[in-house]
Amino acid sequence: MHSNPLQAYQAVEKKTLSGRETEARILTQAALMLKECQRNWNAQDRIARLDEALRFNQRIWSIFQAELAKPDNPLPNKLRVDLLRLSGFVDKRIFEVLARPESEKLSIIIGINQNIAAGLRAKP
Protein backbone atom coordinates (compact mmCIF):
# COMPACT_ATOMS: atom_id res chain seq x y z
CA MET A 1 0.00 0.00 0.00
CA HIS A 2 1.23 3.49 -0.82
CA SER A 3 1.54 5.96 2.04
CA ASN A 4 1.78 8.92 -0.32
CA PRO A 5 -1.36 9.79 -2.34
CA LEU A 6 0.78 10.90 -5.29
CA GLN A 7 2.54 7.53 -5.38
CA ALA A 8 -0.83 5.77 -5.29
CA TYR A 9 -2.08 7.89 -8.19
CA GLN A 10 1.08 7.25 -10.20
CA ALA A 11 0.78 3.50 -9.61
CA VAL A 12 -2.82 3.50 -10.89
CA GLU A 13 -1.84 5.75 -13.79
CA LYS A 14 0.88 3.30 -14.86
CA LYS A 15 -1.68 0.48 -14.99
CA THR A 16 -4.37 2.42 -16.86
CA LEU A 17 -2.56 4.58 -19.43
CA SER A 18 -2.03 3.31 -22.95
CA GLY A 19 1.45 3.31 -24.45
CA ARG A 20 0.64 6.42 -26.48
CA GLU A 21 -0.68 8.27 -23.43
CA THR A 22 2.36 7.27 -21.40
CA GLU A 23 4.73 8.47 -24.12
CA ALA A 24 2.82 11.76 -24.41
CA ARG A 25 2.94 12.28 -20.64
CA ILE A 26 6.68 11.58 -20.49
CA LEU A 27 7.45 13.89 -23.42
CA THR A 28 5.36 16.62 -21.79
CA GLN A 29 7.22 16.14 -18.52
CA ALA A 30 10.54 16.38 -20.37
CA ALA A 31 9.43 19.59 -22.11
CA LEU A 32 8.33 21.08 -18.78
CA MET A 33 11.69 20.29 -17.21
CA LEU A 34 13.46 22.13 -20.03
CA LYS A 35 11.02 25.05 -19.87
CA GLU A 36 11.69 25.36 -16.16
CA CYS A 37 15.40 25.58 -16.90
CA GLN A 38 14.74 28.31 -19.47
CA ARG A 39 12.58 30.31 -17.07
CA ASN A 40 15.19 30.08 -14.30
CA TRP A 41 18.30 30.33 -16.44
CA ASN A 42 20.14 32.47 -13.89
CA ALA A 43 19.31 30.27 -10.89
CA GLN A 44 22.19 29.02 -8.77
CA ASP A 45 21.26 25.38 -9.39
CA ARG A 46 20.82 25.84 -13.15
CA ILE A 47 23.70 23.57 -14.13
CA ALA A 48 22.40 20.64 -12.09
CA ARG A 49 18.79 21.15 -13.21
CA LEU A 50 19.78 21.57 -16.85
CA ASP A 51 21.92 18.45 -16.71
CA GLU A 52 19.04 16.48 -15.19
CA ALA A 53 16.55 17.76 -17.78
CA LEU A 54 18.89 17.07 -20.71
CA ARG A 55 19.78 13.59 -19.47
CA PHE A 56 16.07 12.80 -18.98
CA ASN A 57 15.36 13.92 -22.55
CA GLN A 58 18.31 11.94 -23.83
CA ARG A 59 17.05 8.75 -22.14
CA ILE A 60 13.57 9.21 -23.59
CA TRP A 61 14.82 9.71 -27.13
CA SER A 62 17.27 6.80 -26.77
CA ILE A 63 14.37 4.54 -25.84
CA PHE A 64 12.41 5.82 -28.84
CA GLN A 65 15.42 5.12 -31.09
CA ALA A 66 15.72 1.57 -29.79
CA GLU A 67 12.00 0.91 -30.31
CA LEU A 68 11.97 2.48 -33.77
CA ALA A 69 14.98 0.45 -34.86
CA LYS A 70 13.33 -2.87 -34.04
CA PRO A 71 12.43 -4.82 -37.20
CA ASP A 72 9.01 -5.71 -35.77
CA ASN A 73 8.06 -2.08 -35.04
CA PRO A 74 4.50 -1.66 -36.37
CA LEU A 75 4.89 1.93 -37.61
CA PRO A 76 5.08 2.56 -41.35
CA ASN A 77 8.68 2.59 -42.57
CA LYS A 78 8.67 6.25 -43.69
CA LEU A 79 7.37 7.40 -40.31
CA ARG A 80 9.98 5.29 -38.52
CA VAL A 81 12.78 6.77 -40.63
CA ASP A 82 11.48 10.32 -40.09
CA LEU A 83 11.26 9.78 -36.33
CA LEU A 84 14.75 8.28 -36.24
CA ARG A 85 16.10 11.34 -38.08
CA LEU A 86 14.25 13.61 -35.67
CA SER A 87 15.70 11.71 -32.71
CA GLY A 88 19.17 12.17 -34.20
CA PHE A 89 18.54 15.90 -34.41
CA VAL A 90 17.38 15.97 -30.77
CA ASP A 91 20.51 14.07 -29.71
CA LYS A 92 22.70 16.53 -31.57
CA ARG A 93 20.96 19.52 -29.98
CA ILE A 94 21.25 18.00 -26.49
CA PHE A 95 25.01 17.59 -26.98
CA GLU A 96 25.24 21.18 -28.27
CA VAL A 97 23.51 22.46 -25.14
CA LEU A 98 25.72 20.33 -22.90
CA ALA A 99 28.82 21.72 -24.62
CA ARG A 100 27.67 25.35 -24.84
CA PRO A 101 24.59 26.02 -22.71
CA GLU A 102 22.24 28.71 -24.05
CA SER A 103 18.59 28.93 -23.05
CA GLU A 104 17.44 29.60 -26.62
CA LYS A 105 18.80 26.22 -27.76
CA LEU A 106 16.24 24.48 -25.54
CA SER A 107 13.26 25.92 -27.44
CA ILE A 108 13.49 23.50 -30.36
CA ILE A 109 13.67 20.44 -28.09
CA ILE A 110 10.73 21.75 -26.05
CA GLY A 111 8.73 22.32 -29.23
CA ILE A 112 9.51 18.89 -30.64
CA ASN A 113 8.54 17.18 -27.38
CA GLN A 114 5.29 19.14 -27.18
CA ASN A 115 4.35 18.50 -30.81
CA ILE A 116 5.07 14.78 -30.63
CA ALA A 117 3.10 14.58 -27.36
CA ALA A 118 0.16 16.37 -28.99
CA GLY A 119 0.28 13.96 -31.91
CA LEU A 120 0.29 10.98 -29.56
CA ARG A 121 -2.74 12.34 -27.73
CA ALA A 122 -4.70 12.81 -30.98
CA LYS A 123 -7.08 10.01 -31.85
CA PRO A 124 -5.69 7.94 -34.73
C-alpha atoms as a PDB file:
ATOM      1  CA  MET A   1       0.000   0.000   0.000  1.00  0.00           C
ATOM      2  CA  HIS A   2       1.226   3.486  -0.824  1.00  0.00           C
ATOM      3  CA  SER A   3       1.542   5.956   2.036  1.00  0.00           C
ATOM      4  CA  ASN A   4       1.785   8.921  -0.324  1.00  0.00           C
ATOM      5  CA  PRO A   5      -1.355   9.786  -2.336  1.00  0.00           C
ATOM      6  CA  LEU A   6       0.782  10.903  -5.289  1.00  0.00           C
ATOM      7  CA  GLN A   7       2.540   7.529  -5.376  1.00  0.00           C
ATOM      8  CA  ALA A   8      -0.832   5.765  -5.285  1.00  0.00           C
ATOM      9  CA  TYR A   9      -2.081   7.892  -8.190  1.00  0.00           C
ATOM     10  CA  GLN A  10       1.084   7.248 -10.200  1.00  0.00           C
ATOM     11  CA  ALA A  11       0.782   3.495  -9.611  1.00  0.00           C
ATOM     12  CA  VAL A  12      -2.819   3.502 -10.891  1.00  0.00           C
ATOM     13  CA  GLU A  13      -1.841   5.751 -13.794  1.00  0.00           C
ATOM     14  CA  LYS A  14       0.876   3.297 -14.863  1.00  0.00           C
ATOM     15  CA  LYS A  15      -1.683   0.484 -14.992  1.00  0.00           C
ATOM     16  CA  THR A  16      -4.367   2.423 -16.863  1.00  0.00           C
ATOM     17  CA  LEU A  17      -2.560   4.576 -19.427  1.00  0.00           C
ATOM     18  CA  SER A  18      -2.028   3.313 -22.950  1.00  0.00           C
ATOM     19  CA  GLY A  19       1.454   3.311 -24.449  1.00  0.00           C
ATOM     20  CA  ARG A  20       0.639   6.425 -26.480  1.00  0.00           C
ATOM     21  CA  GLU A  21      -0.685   8.268 -23.428  1.00  0.00           C
ATOM     22  CA  THR A  22       2.361   7.270 -21.396  1.00  0.00           C
ATOM     23  CA  GLU A  23       4.727   8.465 -24.118  1.00  0.00           C
ATOM     24  CA  ALA A  24       2.823  11.755 -24.409  1.00  0.00           C
ATOM     25  CA  ARG A  25       2.938  12.276 -20.644  1.00  0.00           C
ATOM     26  CA  ILE A  26       6.678  11.585 -20.490  1.00  0.00           C
ATOM     27  CA  LEU A  27       7.453  13.893 -23.420  1.00  0.00           C
ATOM     28  CA  THR A  28       5.361  16.617 -21.792  1.00  0.00           C
ATOM     29  CA  GLN A  29       7.223  16.135 -18.519  1.00  0.00           C
ATOM     30  CA  ALA A  30      10.539  16.382 -20.365  1.00  0.00           C
ATOM     31  CA  ALA A  31       9.431  19.587 -22.108  1.00  0.00           C
ATOM     32  CA  LEU A  32       8.333  21.081 -18.785  1.00  0.00           C
ATOM     33  CA  MET A  33      11.689  20.294 -17.209  1.00  0.00           C
ATOM     34  CA  LEU A  34      13.464  22.127 -20.028  1.00  0.00           C
ATOM     35  CA  LYS A  35      11.020  25.051 -19.866  1.00  0.00           C
ATOM     36  CA  GLU A  36      11.686  25.363 -16.156  1.00  0.00           C
ATOM     37  CA  CYS A  37      15.403  25.579 -16.902  1.00  0.00           C
ATOM     38  CA  GLN A  38      14.743  28.309 -19.472  1.00  0.00           C
ATOM     39  CA  ARG A  39      12.584  30.305 -17.066  1.00  0.00           C
ATOM     40  CA  ASN A  40      15.186  30.080 -14.300  1.00  0.00           C
ATOM     41  CA  TRP A  41      18.302  30.326 -16.435  1.00  0.00           C
ATOM     42  CA  ASN A  42      20.142  32.467 -13.894  1.00  0.00           C
ATOM     43  CA  ALA A  43      19.308  30.267 -10.890  1.00  0.00           C
ATOM     44  CA  GLN A  44      22.193  29.017  -8.774  1.00  0.00           C
ATOM     45  CA  ASP A  45      21.259  25.384  -9.386  1.00  0.00           C
ATOM     46  CA  ARG A  46      20.817  25.838 -13.153  1.00  0.00           C
ATOM     47  CA  ILE A  47      23.704  23.573 -14.127  1.00  0.00           C
ATOM     48  CA  ALA A  48      22.400  20.639 -12.091  1.00  0.00           C
ATOM     49  CA  ARG A  49      18.788  21.145 -13.212  1.00  0.00           C
ATOM     50  CA  LEU A  50      19.783  21.572 -16.846  1.00  0.00           C
ATOM     51  CA  ASP A  51      21.919  18.450 -16.714  1.00  0.00           C
ATOM     52  CA  GLU A  52      19.037  16.483 -15.187  1.00  0.00           C
ATOM     53  CA  ALA A  53      16.555  17.757 -17.784  1.00  0.00           C
ATOM     54  CA  LEU A  54      18.889  17.072 -20.710  1.00  0.00           C
ATOM     55  CA  ARG A  55      19.778  13.586 -19.473  1.00  0.00           C
ATOM     56  CA  PHE A  56      16.073  12.799 -18.984  1.00  0.00           C
ATOM     57  CA  ASN A  57      15.360  13.917 -22.553  1.00  0.00           C
ATOM     58  CA  GLN A  58      18.306  11.935 -23.825  1.00  0.00           C
ATOM     59  CA  ARG A  59      17.051   8.746 -22.136  1.00  0.00           C
ATOM     60  CA  ILE A  60      13.575   9.210 -23.593  1.00  0.00           C
ATOM     61  CA  TRP A  61      14.825   9.712 -27.130  1.00  0.00           C
ATOM     62  CA  SER A  62      17.274   6.804 -26.772  1.00  0.00           C
ATOM     63  CA  ILE A  63      14.370   4.544 -25.840  1.00  0.00           C
ATOM     64  CA  PHE A  64      12.413   5.817 -28.841  1.00  0.00           C
ATOM     65  CA  GLN A  65      15.418   5.123 -31.087  1.00  0.00           C
ATOM     66  CA  ALA A  66      15.719   1.572 -29.794  1.00  0.00           C
ATOM     67  CA  GLU A  67      12.004   0.905 -30.315  1.00  0.00           C
ATOM     68  CA  LEU A  68      11.973   2.485 -33.765  1.00  0.00           C
ATOM     69  CA  ALA A  69      14.983   0.449 -34.864  1.00  0.00           C
ATOM     70  CA  LYS A  70      13.334  -2.873 -34.040  1.00  0.00           C
ATOM     71  CA  PRO A  71      12.432  -4.820 -37.200  1.00  0.00           C
ATOM     72  CA  ASP A  72       9.011  -5.705 -35.773  1.00  0.00           C
ATOM     73  CA  ASN A  73       8.060  -2.080 -35.043  1.00  0.00           C
ATOM     74  CA  PRO A  74       4.496  -1.661 -36.375  1.00  0.00           C
ATOM     75  CA  LEU A  75       4.892   1.934 -37.606  1.00  0.00           C
ATOM     76  CA  PRO A  76       5.079   2.565 -41.349  1.00  0.00           C
ATOM     77  CA  ASN A  77       8.677   2.588 -42.566  1.00  0.00           C
ATOM     78  CA  LYS A  78       8.668   6.251 -43.686  1.00  0.00           C
ATOM     79  CA  LEU A  79       7.367   7.403 -40.307  1.00  0.00           C
ATOM     80  CA  ARG A  80       9.977   5.286 -38.517  1.00  0.00           C
ATOM     81  CA  VAL A  81      12.778   6.767 -40.629  1.00  0.00           C
ATOM     82  CA  ASP A  82      11.484  10.316 -40.094  1.00  0.00           C
ATOM     83  CA  LEU A  83      11.262   9.780 -36.331  1.00  0.00           C
ATOM     84  CA  LEU A  84      14.751   8.280 -36.243  1.00  0.00           C
ATOM     85  CA  ARG A  85      16.096  11.340 -38.083  1.00  0.00           C
ATOM     86  CA  LEU A  86      14.248  13.607 -35.666  1.00  0.00           C
ATOM     87  CA  SER A  87      15.701  11.714 -32.714  1.00  0.00           C
ATOM     88  CA  GLY A  88      19.167  12.171 -34.204  1.00  0.00           C
ATOM     89  CA  PHE A  89      18.543  15.903 -34.409  1.00  0.00           C
ATOM     90  CA  VAL A  90      17.380  15.970 -30.773  1.00  0.00           C
ATOM     91  CA  ASP A  91      20.506  14.066 -29.709  1.00  0.00           C
ATOM     92  CA  LYS A  92      22.704  16.530 -31.565  1.00  0.00           C
ATOM     93  CA  ARG A  93      20.955  19.517 -29.977  1.00  0.00           C
ATOM     94  CA  ILE A  94      21.254  17.997 -26.494  1.00  0.00           C
ATOM     95  CA  PHE A  95      25.009  17.592 -26.981  1.00  0.00           C
ATOM     96  CA  GLU A  96      25.239  21.180 -28.272  1.00  0.00           C
ATOM     97  CA  VAL A  97      23.510  22.462 -25.139  1.00  0.00           C
ATOM     98  CA  LEU A  98      25.716  20.328 -22.899  1.00  0.00           C
ATOM     99  CA  ALA A  99      28.822  21.717 -24.625  1.00  0.00           C
ATOM    100  CA  ARG A 100      27.673  25.350 -24.840  1.00  0.00           C
ATOM    101  CA  PRO A 101      24.592  26.023 -22.713  1.00  0.00           C
ATOM    102  CA  GLU A 102      22.243  28.711 -24.050  1.00  0.00           C
ATOM    103  CA  SER A 103      18.593  28.929 -23.046  1.00  0.00           C
ATOM    104  CA  GLU A 104      17.436  29.599 -26.625  1.00  0.00           C
ATOM    105  CA  LYS A 105      18.802  26.219 -27.759  1.00  0.00           C
ATOM    106  CA  LEU A 106      16.240  24.483 -25.543  1.00  0.00           C
ATOM    107  CA  SER A 107      13.259  25.915 -27.439  1.00  0.00           C
ATOM    108  CA  ILE A 108      13.494  23.503 -30.361  1.00  0.00           C
ATOM    109  CA  ILE A 109      13.666  20.439 -28.091  1.00  0.00           C
ATOM    110  CA  ILE A 110      10.731  21.753 -26.053  1.00  0.00           C
ATOM    111  CA  GLY A 111       8.726  22.325 -29.231  1.00  0.00           C
ATOM    112  CA  ILE A 112       9.514  18.886 -30.639  1.00  0.00           C
ATOM    113  CA  ASN A 113       8.539  17.178 -27.381  1.00  0.00           C
ATOM    114  CA  GLN A 114       5.286  19.137 -27.178  1.00  0.00           C
ATOM    115  CA  ASN A 115       4.351  18.501 -30.807  1.00  0.00           C
ATOM    116  CA  ILE A 116       5.074  14.777 -30.627  1.00  0.00           C
ATOM    117  CA  ALA A 117       3.104  14.578 -27.355  1.00  0.00           C
ATOM    118  CA  ALA A 118       0.159  16.374 -28.987  1.00  0.00           C
ATOM    119  CA  GLY A 119       0.279  13.962 -31.910  1.00  0.00           C
ATOM    120  CA  LEU A 120       0.295  10.985 -29.563  1.00  0.00           C
ATOM    121  CA  ARG A 121      -2.744  12.341 -27.729  1.00  0.00           C
ATOM    122  CA  ALA A 122      -4.702  12.806 -30.981  1.00  0.00           C
ATOM    123  CA  LYS A 123      -7.084  10.008 -31.845  1.00  0.00           C
ATOM    124  CA  PRO A 124      -5.691   7.939 -34.732  1.00  0.00           C
END
